[in-house]
PDB file of all heavy atoms in Angstrom:
ATOM      1  N   ASP A   1     -12.924   5.208  -8.599  1.00  0.00           N
ATOM      2  CA  ASP A   1     -11.837   4.378  -9.126  1.00  0.00           C
ATOM      3  C   ASP A   1     -10.507   4.913  -8.620  1.00  0.00           C
ATOM      4  O   ASP A   1     -10.219   6.116  -8.746  1.00  0.00           O
ATOM      5  CB  ASP A   1     -11.843   4.391 -10.651  1.00  0.00           C
ATOM      6  CG  ASP A   1     -13.108   3.763 -11.229  1.00  0.00           C
ATOM      7  OD1 ASP A   1     -13.688   2.888 -10.560  1.00  0.00           O
ATOM      8  OD2 ASP A   1     -13.511   4.158 -12.337  1.00  0.00           O
ATOM      9  N   VAL A   2      -9.691   4.025  -8.063  1.00  0.00           N
ATOM     10  CA  VAL A   2      -8.429   4.440  -7.446  1.00  0.00           C
ATOM     11  C   VAL A   2      -7.312   3.439  -7.735  1.00  0.00           C
ATOM     12  O   VAL A   2      -7.562   2.292  -8.099  1.00  0.00           O
ATOM     13  CB  VAL A   2      -8.569   4.568  -5.908  1.00  0.00           C
ATOM     14  CG1 VAL A   2      -9.486   5.707  -5.524  1.00  0.00           C
ATOM     15  CG2 VAL A   2      -9.057   3.250  -5.292  1.00  0.00           C
ATOM     16  N   GLN A   3      -6.095   3.920  -7.562  1.00  0.00           N
ATOM     17  CA  GLN A   3      -4.945   3.045  -7.402  1.00  0.00           C
ATOM     18  C   GLN A   3      -4.617   3.068  -5.916  1.00  0.00           C
ATOM     19  O   GLN A   3      -4.362   4.130  -5.355  1.00  0.00           O
ATOM     20  CB  GLN A   3      -3.737   3.544  -8.196  1.00  0.00           C
ATOM     21  CG  GLN A   3      -3.832   3.378  -9.688  1.00  0.00           C
ATOM     22  CD  GLN A   3      -2.539   3.789 -10.389  1.00  0.00           C
ATOM     23  OE1 GLN A   3      -1.511   4.008  -9.731  1.00  0.00           O
ATOM     24  NE2 GLN A   3      -2.585   3.878 -11.693  1.00  0.00           N
ATOM     25  N   LEU A   4      -4.630   1.920  -5.280  1.00  0.00           N
ATOM     26  CA  LEU A   4      -4.225   1.810  -3.886  1.00  0.00           C
ATOM     27  C   LEU A   4      -2.754   1.414  -3.869  1.00  0.00           C
ATOM     28  O   LEU A   4      -2.374   0.393  -4.438  1.00  0.00           O
ATOM     29  CB  LEU A   4      -5.073   0.773  -3.152  1.00  0.00           C
ATOM     30  CG  LEU A   4      -6.593   1.006  -3.206  1.00  0.00           C
ATOM     31  CD1 LEU A   4      -7.320  -0.099  -2.448  1.00  0.00           C
ATOM     32  CD2 LEU A   4      -6.957   2.373  -2.645  1.00  0.00           C
ATOM     33  N   LEU A   5      -1.936   2.234  -3.237  1.00  0.00           N
ATOM     34  CA  LEU A   5      -0.491   2.050  -3.266  1.00  0.00           C
ATOM     35  C   LEU A   5       0.006   1.612  -1.896  1.00  0.00           C
ATOM     36  O   LEU A   5      -0.179   2.325  -0.906  1.00  0.00           O
ATOM     37  CB  LEU A   5       0.193   3.358  -3.665  1.00  0.00           C
ATOM     38  CG  LEU A   5      -0.386   4.049  -4.916  1.00  0.00           C
ATOM     39  CD1 LEU A   5       0.239   5.413  -5.089  1.00  0.00           C
ATOM     40  CD2 LEU A   5      -0.176   3.194  -6.145  1.00  0.00           C
ATOM     41  N   PHE A   6       0.620   0.455  -1.847  1.00  0.00           N
ATOM     42  CA  PHE A   6       1.105  -0.105  -0.585  1.00  0.00           C
ATOM     43  C   PHE A   6       2.614  -0.304  -0.631  1.00  0.00           C
ATOM     44  O   PHE A   6       3.144  -0.872  -1.591  1.00  0.00           O
ATOM     45  CB  PHE A   6       0.463  -1.464  -0.302  1.00  0.00           C
ATOM     46  CG  PHE A   6      -1.027  -1.430  -0.093  1.00  0.00           C
ATOM     47  CD1 PHE A   6      -1.890  -1.639  -1.157  1.00  0.00           C
ATOM     48  CD2 PHE A   6      -1.553  -1.202   1.167  1.00  0.00           C
ATOM     49  CE1 PHE A   6      -3.268  -1.620  -0.961  1.00  0.00           C
ATOM     50  CE2 PHE A   6      -2.925  -1.190   1.373  1.00  0.00           C
ATOM     51  CZ  PHE A   6      -3.786  -1.391   0.299  1.00  0.00           C
ATOM     52  N   ARG A   7       3.299   0.153   0.414  1.00  0.00           N
ATOM     53  CA  ARG A   7       4.683  -0.245   0.644  1.00  0.00           C
ATOM     54  C   ARG A   7       4.652  -1.291   1.754  1.00  0.00           C
ATOM     55  O   ARG A   7       4.053  -1.057   2.813  1.00  0.00           O
ATOM     56  CB  ARG A   7       5.539   0.936   1.097  1.00  0.00           C
ATOM     57  CG  ARG A   7       5.563   2.106   0.153  1.00  0.00           C
ATOM     58  CD  ARG A   7       6.502   3.184   0.677  1.00  0.00           C
ATOM     59  NE  ARG A   7       6.015   4.503   0.354  1.00  0.00           N
ATOM     60  CZ  ARG A   7       6.627   5.625   0.733  1.00  0.00           C
ATOM     61  NH1 ARG A   7       7.734   5.552   1.454  1.00  0.00           N
ATOM     62  NH2 ARG A   7       6.112   6.797   0.418  1.00  0.00           N
ATOM     63  N   THR A   8       5.254  -2.411   1.502  1.00  0.00           N
ATOM     64  CA  THR A   8       5.299  -3.468   2.523  1.00  0.00           C
ATOM     65  C   THR A   8       6.742  -3.832   2.817  1.00  0.00           C
ATOM     66  O   THR A   8       7.631  -3.656   1.978  1.00  0.00           O
ATOM     67  CB  THR A   8       4.525  -4.717   2.074  1.00  0.00           C
ATOM     68  OG1 THR A   8       5.006  -5.150   0.792  1.00  0.00           O
ATOM     69  CG2 THR A   8       3.035  -4.431   1.978  1.00  0.00           C
ATOM     70  N   GLU A   9       6.957  -4.337   4.010  1.00  0.00           N
ATOM     71  CA  GLU A   9       8.307  -4.716   4.425  1.00  0.00           C
ATOM     72  C   GLU A   9       8.253  -6.014   5.222  1.00  0.00           C
ATOM     73  O   GLU A   9       7.341  -6.216   6.028  1.00  0.00           O
ATOM     74  CB  GLU A   9       8.937  -3.601   5.262  1.00  0.00           C
ATOM     75  CG  GLU A   9      10.413  -3.819   5.562  1.00  0.00           C
ATOM     76  CD  GLU A   9      11.070  -2.592   6.147  1.00  0.00           C
ATOM     77  OE1 GLU A   9      10.460  -1.492   6.129  1.00  0.00           O
ATOM     78  OE2 GLU A   9      12.208  -2.720   6.638  1.00  0.00           O
ATOM     79  N   LYS A  10       9.234  -6.875   4.985  1.00  0.00           N
ATOM     80  CA  LYS A  10       9.310  -8.122   5.733  1.00  0.00           C
ATOM     81  C   LYS A  10      10.068  -7.866   7.035  1.00  0.00           C
ATOM     82  O   LYS A  10      11.229  -7.462   7.031  1.00  0.00           O
ATOM     83  CB  LYS A  10      10.010  -9.204   4.920  1.00  0.00           C
ATOM     84  CG  LYS A  10      10.031 -10.560   5.616  1.00  0.00           C
ATOM     85  CD  LYS A  10      10.786 -11.596   4.807  1.00  0.00           C
ATOM     86  CE  LYS A  10       9.899 -12.257   3.780  1.00  0.00           C
ATOM     87  NZ  LYS A  10      10.568 -13.431   3.149  1.00  0.00           N
ATOM     88  N   ILE A  11       9.374  -8.064   8.143  1.00  0.00           N
ATOM     89  CA  ILE A  11       9.936  -7.828   9.473  1.00  0.00           C
ATOM     90  C   ILE A  11       9.841  -9.135  10.260  1.00  0.00           C
ATOM     91  O   ILE A  11       8.748  -9.679  10.430  1.00  0.00           O
ATOM     92  CB  ILE A  11       9.175  -6.710  10.204  1.00  0.00           C
ATOM     93  CG1 ILE A  11       9.190  -5.428   9.361  1.00  0.00           C
ATOM     94  CG2 ILE A  11       9.742  -6.465  11.590  1.00  0.00           C
ATOM     95  CD1 ILE A  11       8.270  -4.348   9.872  1.00  0.00           C
ATOM     96  N   ASN A  12      10.976  -9.626  10.719  1.00  0.00           N
ATOM     97  CA  ASN A  12      11.004 -10.913  11.432  1.00  0.00           C
ATOM     98  C   ASN A  12      10.311 -12.006  10.626  1.00  0.00           C
ATOM     99  O   ASN A  12       9.486 -12.765  11.133  1.00  0.00           O
ATOM    100  CB  ASN A  12      10.376 -10.781  12.820  1.00  0.00           C
ATOM    101  CG  ASN A  12      11.155  -9.846  13.724  1.00  0.00           C
ATOM    102  OD1 ASN A  12      12.373  -9.775  13.644  1.00  0.00           O
ATOM    103  ND2 ASN A  12      10.443  -9.120  14.581  1.00  0.00           N
ATOM    104  N   ASP A  13      10.642 -12.026   9.320  1.00  0.00           N
ATOM    105  CA  ASP A  13      10.171 -13.057   8.394  1.00  0.00           C
ATOM    106  C   ASP A  13       8.665 -12.990   8.133  1.00  0.00           C
ATOM    107  O   ASP A  13       8.063 -13.988   7.725  1.00  0.00           O
ATOM    108  CB  ASP A  13      10.546 -14.453   8.903  1.00  0.00           C
ATOM    109  CG  ASP A  13      10.689 -15.450   7.753  1.00  0.00           C
ATOM    110  OD1 ASP A  13      11.173 -15.041   6.678  1.00  0.00           O
ATOM    111  OD2 ASP A  13      10.293 -16.614   7.925  1.00  0.00           O
ATOM    112  N   LYS A  14       8.052 -11.821   8.358  1.00  0.00           N
ATOM    113  CA  LYS A  14       6.625 -11.659   8.106  1.00  0.00           C
ATOM    114  C   LYS A  14       6.379 -10.302   7.469  1.00  0.00           C
ATOM    115  O   LYS A  14       6.955  -9.296   7.879  1.00  0.00           O
ATOM    116  CB  LYS A  14       5.851 -11.774   9.434  1.00  0.00           C
ATOM    117  CG  LYS A  14       4.337 -11.879   9.271  1.00  0.00           C
ATOM    118  CD  LYS A  14       3.689 -12.163  10.619  1.00  0.00           C
ATOM    119  CE  LYS A  14       2.190 -12.337  10.480  1.00  0.00           C
ATOM    120  NZ  LYS A  14       1.545 -12.636  11.794  1.00  0.00           N
ATOM    121  N   TRP A  15       5.513 -10.245   6.435  1.00  0.00           N
ATOM    122  CA  TRP A  15       5.253  -9.008   5.708  1.00  0.00           C
ATOM    123  C   TRP A  15       4.226  -8.141   6.446  1.00  0.00           C
ATOM    124  O   TRP A  15       3.231  -8.637   6.964  1.00  0.00           O
ATOM    125  CB  TRP A  15       4.757  -9.302   4.302  1.00  0.00           C
ATOM    126  CG  TRP A  15       5.824  -9.836   3.408  1.00  0.00           C
ATOM    127  CD1 TRP A  15       6.098 -11.144   3.136  1.00  0.00           C
ATOM    128  CD2 TRP A  15       6.798  -9.068   2.694  1.00  0.00           C
ATOM    129  NE1 TRP A  15       7.172 -11.245   2.294  1.00  0.00           N
ATOM    130  CE2 TRP A  15       7.622  -9.991   2.001  1.00  0.00           C
ATOM    131  CE3 TRP A  15       7.047  -7.700   2.561  1.00  0.00           C
ATOM    132  CZ2 TRP A  15       8.672  -9.566   1.182  1.00  0.00           C
ATOM    133  CZ3 TRP A  15       8.103  -7.285   1.750  1.00  0.00           C
ATOM    134  CH2 TRP A  15       8.894  -8.209   1.074  1.00  0.00           C
ATOM    135  N   PHE A  16       4.503  -6.821   6.481  1.00  0.00           N
ATOM    136  CA  PHE A  16       3.606  -5.851   7.089  1.00  0.00           C
ATOM    137  C   PHE A  16       3.483  -4.629   6.179  1.00  0.00           C
ATOM    138  O   PHE A  16       4.393  -4.327   5.405  1.00  0.00           O
ATOM    139  CB  PHE A  16       4.133  -5.389   8.458  1.00  0.00           C
ATOM    140  CG  PHE A  16       4.122  -6.439   9.527  1.00  0.00           C
ATOM    141  CD1 PHE A  16       5.228  -7.254   9.728  1.00  0.00           C
ATOM    142  CD2 PHE A  16       3.005  -6.614  10.339  1.00  0.00           C
ATOM    143  CE1 PHE A  16       5.232  -8.229  10.709  1.00  0.00           C
ATOM    144  CE2 PHE A  16       2.995  -7.595  11.319  1.00  0.00           C
ATOM    145  CZ  PHE A  16       4.106  -8.397  11.508  1.00  0.00           C
ATOM    146  N   ILE A  17       2.371  -3.916   6.309  1.00  0.00           N
ATOM    147  CA  ILE A  17       2.176  -2.674   5.562  1.00  0.00           C
ATOM    148  C   ILE A  17       2.919  -1.551   6.282  1.00  0.00           C
ATOM    149  O   ILE A  17       2.696  -1.305   7.462  1.00  0.00           O
ATOM    150  CB  ILE A  17       0.680  -2.329   5.450  1.00  0.00           C
ATOM    151  CG1 ILE A  17      -0.056  -3.422   4.672  1.00  0.00           C
ATOM    152  CG2 ILE A  17       0.491  -0.963   4.773  1.00  0.00           C
ATOM    153  CD1 ILE A  17      -1.571  -3.278   4.722  1.00  0.00           C
ATOM    154  N   LYS A  18       3.806  -0.868   5.540  1.00  0.00           N
ATOM    155  CA  LYS A  18       4.535   0.265   6.093  1.00  0.00           C
ATOM    156  C   LYS A  18       3.896   1.595   5.687  1.00  0.00           C
ATOM    157  O   LYS A  18       3.990   2.587   6.424  1.00  0.00           O
ATOM    158  CB  LYS A  18       5.984   0.246   5.599  1.00  0.00           C
ATOM    159  CG  LYS A  18       6.808  -0.903   6.140  1.00  0.00           C
ATOM    160  CD  LYS A  18       7.315  -0.604   7.538  1.00  0.00           C
ATOM    161  CE  LYS A  18       8.409   0.438   7.499  1.00  0.00           C
ATOM    162  NZ  LYS A  18       9.045   0.622   8.832  1.00  0.00           N
ATOM    163  N   ASN A  19       3.285   1.617   4.516  1.00  0.00           N
ATOM    164  CA  ASN A  19       2.694   2.854   4.015  1.00  0.00           C
ATOM    165  C   ASN A  19       1.535   2.529   3.086  1.00  0.00           C
ATOM    166  O   ASN A  19       1.609   1.578   2.311  1.00  0.00           O
ATOM    167  CB  ASN A  19       3.760   3.679   3.279  1.00  0.00           C
ATOM    168  CG  ASN A  19       3.261   5.039   2.850  1.00  0.00           C
ATOM    169  OD1 ASN A  19       2.614   5.170   1.824  1.00  0.00           O
ATOM    170  ND2 ASN A  19       3.568   6.068   3.624  1.00  0.00           N
ATOM    171  N   PHE A  20       0.479   3.326   3.182  1.00  0.00           N
ATOM    172  CA  PHE A  20      -0.702   3.144   2.339  1.00  0.00           C
ATOM    173  C   PHE A  20      -1.175   4.515   1.874  1.00  0.00           C
ATOM    174  O   PHE A  20      -1.408   5.402   2.689  1.00  0.00           O
ATOM    175  CB  PHE A  20      -1.791   2.418   3.135  1.00  0.00           C
ATOM    176  CG  PHE A  20      -3.145   2.365   2.478  1.00  0.00           C
ATOM    177  CD1 PHE A  20      -3.280   2.237   1.105  1.00  0.00           C
ATOM    178  CD2 PHE A  20      -4.307   2.433   3.239  1.00  0.00           C
ATOM    179  CE1 PHE A  20      -4.528   2.190   0.500  1.00  0.00           C
ATOM    180  CE2 PHE A  20      -5.559   2.385   2.656  1.00  0.00           C
ATOM    181  CZ  PHE A  20      -5.665   2.260   1.286  1.00  0.00           C
ATOM    182  N   GLU A  21      -1.288   4.690   0.559  1.00  0.00           N
ATOM    183  CA  GLU A  21      -1.780   5.941  -0.013  1.00  0.00           C
ATOM    184  C   GLU A  21      -2.512   5.639  -1.312  1.00  0.00           C
ATOM    185  O   GLU A  21      -2.565   4.484  -1.748  1.00  0.00           O
ATOM    186  CB  GLU A  21      -0.620   6.923  -0.241  1.00  0.00           C
ATOM    187  CG  GLU A  21       0.533   6.345  -1.030  1.00  0.00           C
ATOM    188  CD  GLU A  21       1.824   7.146  -0.852  1.00  0.00           C
ATOM    189  OE1 GLU A  21       1.748   8.376  -0.663  1.00  0.00           O
ATOM    190  OE2 GLU A  21       2.901   6.539  -0.904  1.00  0.00           O
ATOM    191  N   SER A  22      -3.075   6.660  -1.934  1.00  0.00           N
ATOM    192  CA  SER A  22      -3.923   6.431  -3.100  1.00  0.00           C
ATOM    193  C   SER A  22      -3.654   7.455  -4.196  1.00  0.00           C
ATOM    194  O   SER A  22      -3.213   8.573  -3.928  1.00  0.00           O
ATOM    195  CB  SER A  22      -5.406   6.513  -2.714  1.00  0.00           C
ATOM    196  OG  SER A  22      -5.753   5.565  -1.733  1.00  0.00           O
ATOM    197  N   ILE A  23      -3.958   7.048  -5.423  1.00  0.00           N
ATOM    198  CA  ILE A  23      -4.049   7.956  -6.560  1.00  0.00           C
ATOM    199  C   ILE A  23      -5.483   7.870  -7.064  1.00  0.00           C
ATOM    200  O   ILE A  23      -5.994   6.775  -7.306  1.00  0.00           O
ATOM    201  CB  ILE A  23      -3.067   7.571  -7.678  1.00  0.00           C
ATOM    202  CG1 ILE A  23      -1.623   7.775  -7.211  1.00  0.00           C
ATOM    203  CG2 ILE A  23      -3.330   8.389  -8.937  1.00  0.00           C
ATOM    204  CD1 ILE A  23      -0.584   7.298  -8.202  1.00  0.00           C
ATOM    205  N   TYR A  24      -6.127   9.003  -7.209  1.00  0.00           N
ATOM    206  CA  TYR A  24      -7.537   9.035  -7.586  1.00  0.00           C
ATOM    207  C   TYR A  24      -7.667   9.204  -9.103  1.00  0.00           C
ATOM    208  O   TYR A  24      -6.983  10.029  -9.716  1.00  0.00           O
ATOM    209  CB  TYR A  24      -8.261  10.144  -6.820  1.00  0.00           C
ATOM    210  CG  TYR A  24      -8.328   9.806  -5.344  1.00  0.00           C
ATOM    211  CD1 TYR A  24      -7.262  10.082  -4.500  1.00  0.00           C
ATOM    212  CD2 TYR A  24      -9.423   9.123  -4.821  1.00  0.00           C
ATOM    213  CE1 TYR A  24      -7.286   9.714  -3.163  1.00  0.00           C
ATOM    214  CE2 TYR A  24      -9.456   8.747  -3.483  1.00  0.00           C
ATOM    215  CZ  TYR A  24      -8.380   9.050  -2.667  1.00  0.00           C
ATOM    216  OH  TYR A  24      -8.406   8.672  -1.351  1.00  0.00           O
ATOM    217  N   LEU A  25      -8.548   8.412  -9.697  1.00  0.00           N
ATOM    218  CA  LEU A  25      -8.681   8.342 -11.148  1.00  0.00           C
ATOM    219  C   LEU A  25      -9.946   9.049 -11.633  1.00  0.00           C
ATOM    220  O   LEU A  25      -9.886   9.998 -12.407  1.00  0.00           O
ATOM    221  CB  LEU A  25      -8.677   6.882 -11.606  1.00  0.00           C
ATOM    222  CG  LEU A  25      -7.506   6.036 -11.082  1.00  0.00           C
ATOM    223  CD1 LEU A  25      -7.644   4.593 -11.548  1.00  0.00           C
ATOM    224  CD2 LEU A  25      -6.168   6.622 -11.512  1.00  0.00           C
ATOM    225  N   GLN A  26     -11.098   8.580 -11.178  1.00  0.00           N
ATOM    226  CA  GLN A  26     -12.376   9.172 -11.572  1.00  0.00           C
ATOM    227  C   GLN A  26     -13.458   8.630 -10.648  1.00  0.00           C
ATOM    228  O   GLN A  26     -13.256   7.639  -9.948  1.00  0.00           O
ATOM    229  CB  GLN A  26     -12.711   8.819 -13.021  1.00  0.00           C
ATOM    230  CG  GLN A  26     -12.866   7.322 -13.264  1.00  0.00           C
ATOM    231  CD  GLN A  26     -13.105   6.976 -14.725  1.00  0.00           C
ATOM    232  OE1 GLN A  26     -13.072   7.821 -15.602  1.00  0.00           O
ATOM    233  NE2 GLN A  26     -13.363   5.706 -14.986  1.00  0.00           N
ATOM    234  N   ASP A  27     -14.613   9.308 -10.648  1.00  0.00           N
ATOM    235  CA  ASP A  27     -15.727   8.782  -9.849  1.00  0.00           C
ATOM    236  C   ASP A  27     -17.062   9.076 -10.511  1.00  0.00           C
ATOM    237  O   ASP A  27     -17.157   9.843 -11.478  1.00  0.00           O
ATOM    238  CB  ASP A  27     -15.685   9.301  -8.399  1.00  0.00           C
ATOM    239  CG  ASP A  27     -15.712  10.815  -8.293  1.00  0.00           C
ATOM    240  OD1 ASP A  27     -15.897  11.494  -9.314  1.00  0.00           O
ATOM    241  OD2 ASP A  27     -15.553  11.331  -7.167  1.00  0.00           O
TER     242      ASP A  27
END
């Protein structure tokens, strides 16, 4: 079980992922 954390940015009127990381909860 995780939190997937995304930073996105609109570049030339289109959204892209700038950063992707995670917080781990349990397994």
